[in-house]
Structure formats: structure tokens, C-alpha cells
Protein backbone atom coordinates (compact mmCIF):
# COMPACT_ATOMS: atom_id res chain seq x y z
CA UNK A 1 -22.92 -12.30 -57.52
CA UNK A 2 -19.18 -11.80 -57.86
CA UNK A 3 -16.86 -12.80 -55.05
CA UNK A 4 -15.69 -9.52 -53.46
CA UNK A 5 -12.70 -10.95 -51.59
CA UNK A 6 -10.00 -12.23 -53.95
CA UNK A 7 -8.26 -14.11 -51.14
CA UNK A 8 -9.10 -17.77 -50.66
CA UNK A 9 -10.63 -18.96 -47.41
CA UNK A 10 -8.26 -19.94 -44.62
CA UNK A 11 -6.95 -23.47 -44.73
CA UNK A 12 -7.76 -25.87 -41.92
CA UNK A 13 -4.19 -25.42 -40.64
CA UNK A 14 -4.50 -21.62 -40.73
CA UNK A 15 -7.88 -21.65 -38.94
CA UNK A 16 -6.55 -24.02 -36.27
CA UNK A 17 -3.39 -21.94 -35.73
CA UNK A 18 -5.41 -18.71 -35.62
CA UNK A 19 -7.90 -20.09 -33.09
CA UNK A 20 -5.07 -21.33 -30.85
CA UNK A 21 -3.25 -18.00 -31.16
CA UNK A 22 -6.44 -16.07 -30.30
CA UNK A 23 -7.09 -18.26 -27.24
CA UNK A 24 -3.51 -17.72 -26.01
CA UNK A 25 -3.52 -13.99 -26.90
CA UNK A 26 -6.69 -13.43 -24.87
CA UNK A 27 -6.32 -16.16 -22.27
CA UNK A 28 -2.88 -15.37 -20.88
CA UNK A 29 -3.61 -11.66 -20.24
CA UNK A 30 -6.95 -12.59 -18.64
CA UNK A 31 -5.25 -15.10 -16.34
CA UNK A 32 -2.42 -12.68 -15.50
CA UNK A 33 -5.01 -9.99 -14.74
CA UNK A 34 -6.89 -12.32 -12.42
CA UNK A 35 -3.74 -13.36 -10.58
CA UNK A 36 -2.47 -9.78 -10.22
CA UNK A 37 -5.80 -8.58 -8.86
CA UNK A 38 -5.81 -11.38 -6.29
CA UNK A 39 -2.17 -10.91 -5.26
CA UNK A 40 -1.66 -7.14 -5.48
CA UNK A 41 -5.05 -5.52 -5.97
CA UNK A 42 -4.09 -4.05 -9.35
CA UNK A 43 -5.00 -5.05 -12.87
CA UNK A 44 -2.48 -6.08 -15.48
CA UNK A 45 -3.17 -2.80 -17.30
CA UNK A 46 -2.32 -0.86 -14.12
CA UNK A 47 0.79 -2.99 -13.57
CA UNK A 48 1.94 -2.28 -17.13
CA UNK A 49 1.41 1.46 -16.61
CA UNK A 50 3.64 1.25 -13.53
CA UNK A 51 6.15 -0.82 -15.52
CA UNK A 52 6.34 1.71 -18.37
CA UNK A 53 6.80 4.54 -15.90
CA UNK A 54 9.48 2.58 -14.04
CA UNK A 55 11.39 1.99 -17.28
CA UNK A 56 11.12 5.60 -18.45
CA UNK A 57 13.71 8.27 -17.83
CA UNK A 58 12.98 9.90 -14.49
CA UNK A 59 10.12 7.42 -14.01
CA UNK A 60 7.84 9.90 -15.81
CA UNK A 61 6.43 10.44 -19.28
CA UNK A 62 3.73 12.39 -21.10
CA UNK A 63 0.30 10.82 -20.88
CA UNK A 64 0.03 10.85 -24.67
CA UNK A 65 3.22 8.76 -25.00
CA UNK A 66 2.05 6.40 -22.26
CA UNK A 67 -1.28 5.94 -24.07
CA UNK A 68 0.59 4.96 -27.25
CA UNK A 69 2.79 2.48 -25.37
CA UNK A 70 -0.28 0.99 -23.70
CA UNK A 71 -2.13 0.80 -27.05
CA UNK A 72 -4.88 2.66 -25.24
CA UNK A 73 -7.05 5.67 -25.76
CA UNK A 74 -6.03 8.71 -23.77
CA UNK A 75 -9.47 8.65 -22.15
CA UNK A 76 -9.10 5.07 -20.87
CA UNK A 77 -5.56 5.74 -19.69
CA UNK A 78 -6.70 8.90 -17.90
CA UNK A 79 -9.32 6.91 -15.96
CA UNK A 80 -6.74 4.30 -14.96
CA UNK A 81 -4.16 6.92 -13.98
CA UNK A 82 -6.84 8.70 -11.92
CA UNK A 83 -7.29 5.50 -9.90
CA UNK A 84 -3.55 5.04 -9.52
CA UNK A 85 -3.28 8.69 -8.52
CA UNK A 86 -6.03 8.35 -5.91
CA UNK A 87 -4.08 5.49 -4.33
CA UNK A 88 -0.85 7.53 -4.34
CA UNK A 89 0.96 5.30 -6.84
CA UNK A 90 1.17 7.83 -9.69
CA UNK A 91 1.23 11.63 -9.74
CA UNK A 92 0.21 13.90 -12.61
CA UNK A 93 1.77 17.27 -13.30
CA UNK A 94 1.96 19.66 -16.21
CA UNK A 95 5.03 19.84 -18.40
CA UNK A 96 7.30 22.79 -17.66
CA UNK A 97 7.86 23.21 -21.41
CA UNK A 98 4.19 22.97 -22.46
CA UNK A 99 1.38 23.37 -19.94
CA UNK A 100 -0.98 21.47 -22.25
CA UNK A 101 1.04 18.28 -21.72
CA UNK A 102 0.17 16.12 -18.70
CA UNK A 103 3.06 14.12 -17.26
CA UNK A 104 2.47 10.88 -15.34
CA UNK A 105 5.13 10.05 -12.74
CA UNK A 106 5.70 6.95 -10.66
CA UNK A 107 5.70 7.86 -6.96
CA UNK A 108 7.86 6.15 -4.34
CA UNK A 109 4.72 4.39 -3.12
CA UNK A 110 3.99 3.29 -6.70
CA UNK A 111 7.55 2.03 -7.09
CA UNK A 112 7.13 0.03 -3.87
CA UNK A 113 3.92 -1.52 -5.24
CA UNK A 114 5.58 -2.26 -8.57
CA UNK A 115 8.60 -3.89 -6.89
CA UNK A 116 6.37 -5.90 -4.54
CA UNK A 117 4.12 -7.18 -7.33
CA UNK A 118 6.85 -7.84 -9.91
CA UNK A 119 8.18 -11.18 -8.56
CA UNK A 120 4.71 -12.73 -8.60
CA UNK A 121 3.92 -11.28 -12.01
CA UNK A 122 7.20 -12.52 -13.49
CA UNK A 123 6.64 -15.95 -11.94
CA UNK A 124 3.14 -16.09 -13.43
CA UNK A 125 4.41 -15.02 -16.87
CA UNK A 126 7.06 -17.73 -16.64
CA UNK A 127 4.57 -20.39 -15.53
CA UNK A 128 1.95 -19.57 -18.15
CA UNK A 129 4.30 -18.88 -21.03
CA UNK A 130 8.08 -19.31 -20.86
CA UNK A 131 8.16 -22.56 -18.86
CA UNK A 132 6.28 -24.18 -21.74
CA UNK A 133 8.92 -23.25 -24.32
CA UNK A 134 12.36 -24.69 -24.88
CA UNK A 135 15.17 -22.46 -26.22
CA UNK A 136 14.39 -23.44 -29.84
CA UNK A 137 10.70 -22.59 -29.33
CA UNK A 138 11.64 -19.22 -27.87
CA UNK A 139 13.93 -18.46 -30.80
CA UNK A 140 11.17 -19.49 -33.23
CA UNK A 141 8.64 -17.35 -31.39
CA UNK A 142 10.94 -14.33 -31.48
CA UNK A 143 11.55 -14.84 -35.20
CA UNK A 144 7.82 -15.16 -35.88
CA UNK A 145 6.85 -12.13 -33.77
CA UNK A 146 9.59 -10.09 -35.47
CA UNK A 147 7.89 -10.86 -38.80
CA UNK A 148 4.34 -10.16 -37.57
CA UNK A 149 4.97 -7.04 -35.46
CA UNK A 150 5.49 -4.58 -38.35
CA UNK A 151 1.94 -5.27 -39.52
CA UNK A 152 0.52 -3.78 -36.32
CA UNK A 153 3.38 -1.48 -35.35
CA UNK A 154 5.02 -0.35 -38.60
CA UNK A 155 6.80 2.60 -36.97
CA UNK A 156 7.92 0.55 -33.94
CA UNK A 157 6.23 2.86 -31.44
CA UNK A 158 4.37 0.23 -29.40
CA UNK A 159 7.15 -2.23 -28.74
CA UNK A 160 10.48 -0.93 -27.48
CA UNK A 161 13.43 -2.60 -29.11
CA UNK A 162 14.94 -5.41 -27.03
CA UNK A 163 18.24 -3.57 -26.70
CA UNK A 164 16.37 -0.63 -25.14
CA UNK A 165 14.85 -2.66 -22.30
CA UNK A 166 16.71 -5.97 -22.27
CA UNK A 167 19.53 -4.91 -19.98
CA UNK A 168 17.54 -2.68 -17.65
CA UNK A 169 16.97 -3.74 -14.08
CA UNK A 170 14.73 -2.58 -11.33
CA UNK A 171 16.44 -0.95 -8.34
CA UNK A 172 18.06 -3.43 -6.00
CA UNK A 173 18.24 -6.20 -8.59
CA UNK A 174 21.22 -7.29 -10.60
CA UNK A 175 21.00 -7.78 -14.33
CA UNK A 176 20.85 -11.42 -15.29
CA UNK A 177 22.78 -12.50 -18.34
CA UNK A 178 20.89 -14.86 -20.63
CA UNK A 179 22.19 -18.40 -20.51
């Protein structure tokens, strides 16, 4: 029987690197989710919905755009937004330009939750990820992710460009210049 895959098997180094990457790629979000649930009562997915809404113009965006940014189905996002809506953290309205378009908006109560949960979330991200990297590691990681990202996001719709979000701050906080 002919070999159907012309590519050679992964090398030992490739398998090892892939396994470590997969553990980190799944393990860090799972740990962040667990910590957020314990500290704030929201999942990481919910926190990221609030974060995207906070960063958007007018703290609102179409559900379809939010689903793309969350790399989520519209159905899953709708269920999550329904929960956030029931708790008063997000509101849904119809677009004034097109009644078929649902708009998710961050409420003042949702902004309060986001601002209250952000310091712990950022501290956890730092502890689990950034504190383990020196500046050279971080530069290497950025270079590597810049090369890999187009394979999963060729049109750059999932990941906002650093210059789009890098200088933004949340209300009441000053921008911090990188050192």
C-alpha cells in the first residue's frame, strides 16, 4: 500500500515541542478559567467577552463580529451573552441601521465587574506566563507567534494588531510605557 502522506513523521524534537505547546495552550486557559471562576464568578470566556466589549468603540459591537473575535460559534456566544445579560453585565439591542443585526453592549454593571476582575486576571496571566519569560524570551515568542498566526488567521480578523490595543487603557488607569 502506498504511503498517502508525503510528509515525514515528526522528529523527536518536533513531537516534544508540540506536546509542550499543547499542554501550555490548553493548561494556561484552564487554570485562568478556574481562578477567574473562584475569584469573580465568571469564566475566562465571559471575561474575554467583557474585555472585547470594553475595548470596542462605544463598548458595543455586533454579535457576529464578537463571535469572530472570540473564535466562537454565534450559537455558543449567544448562550454566554444570555447569561451575562441575565446578570445585567451585557445588554443586547438591534442595530438602528439593520434590525437583523444584534448588538452586544457592556453595561455599567458589566464594566464594574470587568474592572474589578481585571487586576486578578492580569496578575494570574503574569504569574502563569510572563513572569517565566525574560525580555529575550518574550521577543522570541512574539517573533514566533507572528510567523505562526497567519496560518490560523490569514486575514488578521481574530487577533487585533498590537498598535490597535497596545496603548489602550481601562478607565481610571494610566497607560504604562514598556520598559
